[in-house]
Amino acid sequence: MQTWRDGWARATEAADALRAALAALGLPEAAWNGIRPHVTQTGRPYVDLGTLQAHVVEQIAEAVRAATVSVR
């Protein structure tokens, strides 16, 4: 059971981090409210992104590309 709880905590933290990043991009909550933590029976953490609108995914892609360029 502890493995599942640890997985839930990790999935929740990851989902929260992504929500915060999308909010920082200026996206309204309605654009990312489908993001949910998920854990398998064995405790493996996942983040379900739900269905995102195309313009939201384009903004995410732009932010990732910009971060990649700044790291180089």
Protein backbone atom coordinates (compact mmCIF):
# COMPACT_ATOMS: atom_id res chain seq x y z
CA MET A 1 0.00 0.00 0.00
CA GLN A 2 2.89 2.38 0.71
CA THR A 3 4.16 1.92 -2.84
CA TRP A 4 0.77 3.01 -4.16
CA ARG A 5 0.70 6.03 -1.83
CA ASP A 6 4.19 7.04 -2.92
CA GLY A 7 3.13 6.69 -6.55
CA TRP A 8 0.04 8.80 -5.92
CA ALA A 9 2.13 11.51 -4.27
CA ARG A 10 4.56 11.55 -7.19
CA ALA A 11 1.77 11.63 -9.80
CA THR A 12 0.00 14.42 -7.93
CA GLU A 13 3.18 16.49 -7.66
CA ALA A 14 3.87 16.02 -11.38
CA ALA A 15 0.30 16.98 -12.34
CA ASP A 16 0.47 20.05 -10.10
CA ALA A 17 3.81 21.06 -11.63
CA LEU A 18 2.39 20.82 -15.14
CA ARG A 19 -0.73 22.79 -14.16
CA ALA A 20 1.47 25.52 -12.67
CA ALA A 21 3.64 25.65 -15.80
CA LEU A 22 0.59 25.97 -18.04
CA ALA A 23 -0.86 28.67 -15.82
CA ALA A 24 2.48 30.51 -16.05
CA LEU A 25 2.13 30.41 -19.84
CA GLY A 26 -1.07 32.37 -19.36
CA LEU A 27 -3.42 29.53 -20.23
CA PRO A 28 -6.77 29.64 -18.45
CA GLU A 29 -7.71 26.80 -16.14
CA ALA A 30 -10.35 25.64 -18.61
CA ALA A 31 -7.54 24.78 -21.05
CA TRP A 32 -5.83 22.33 -18.67
CA ASN A 33 -8.48 21.23 -16.17
CA GLY A 34 -8.39 17.65 -17.51
CA ILE A 35 -4.90 16.99 -16.14
CA ARG A 36 -5.17 14.31 -13.47
CA PRO A 37 -2.79 12.12 -11.49
CA HIS A 38 -3.16 8.38 -12.03
CA VAL A 39 -1.55 5.37 -10.37
CA THR A 40 -1.55 1.75 -11.46
CA GLN A 41 -2.31 -1.10 -9.08
CA THR A 42 1.41 -1.67 -8.73
CA GLY A 43 2.03 1.95 -7.75
CA ARG A 44 3.46 3.26 -11.02
CA PRO A 45 2.69 7.00 -11.29
CA TYR A 46 1.27 8.59 -14.45
CA VAL A 47 -0.29 11.90 -15.39
CA ASP A 48 -3.39 11.79 -17.58
CA LEU A 49 -3.41 14.87 -19.79
CA GLY A 50 -6.95 14.34 -21.00
CA THR A 51 -7.89 16.01 -24.27
CA LEU A 52 -6.08 19.27 -24.85
CA GLN A 53 -7.07 21.82 -27.46
CA ALA A 54 -4.66 22.15 -30.36
CA HIS A 55 -3.66 25.74 -29.48
CA VAL A 56 -2.76 24.61 -25.96
CA VAL A 57 -0.50 21.86 -27.27
CA GLU A 58 1.09 24.34 -29.67
CA GLN A 59 1.88 26.67 -26.75
CA ILE A 60 3.34 23.77 -24.76
CA ALA A 61 5.50 22.79 -27.74
CA GLU A 62 6.73 26.38 -28.16
CA ALA A 63 7.66 26.56 -24.47
CA VAL A 64 9.53 23.25 -24.62
CA ARG A 65 11.40 24.34 -27.74
CA ALA A 66 12.33 27.65 -26.11
CA ALA A 67 13.57 25.86 -23.00
CA THR A 68 15.61 23.47 -25.13
CA VAL A 69 17.24 26.34 -27.00
CA SER A 70 18.10 28.20 -23.79
CA VAL A 71 19.73 25.10 -22.27
CA ARG A 72 22.14 24.65 -25.20
